[in-house]
Amino acid sequence: MHGAGKYGAQCGLVEGSLMFIGVLGRRLDVTDSTIASFCKDFAGQFVHRFGSLSGEILRPEGFGPDNPPHLCEKLTCEVICFAINAIANYYYKLRNLLTIPRYSSSFDP
């Protein structure tokens, strides 16, 4: 998404993580308020770790027309690891609170 189409808004790495959290929560039949609460917590942890939710701030040189697309490659790798850890912790918490069926899939921690 490039910060809302290179507009410099919310970072696509954040947006993708939040969308995945919503999809996972819906698949596990979690309430909307629980999903929203986790998304808010995720966003707060993200800001604490990376300093902002804004693509314009997170991208090393903002969004200049001559910037190569790989400027945030290191950040991308760090955010992926952060998101995997946060979502796995969320999943484990939910499993302890709810009766969640075990799906046979590649993502079954």
Foldseek 3Di string as FASTA:
>chain_A
DCQVVLPFHFDPLLVVLLVVLVVVCVVQVHDPVVSVVLNVVLLVVCCVVQVDRTSQVNQPNGRDPPDDPCSCVVVSVVSVVVSVVSVVVVVVVVVVVDVGDQDPDPPGD
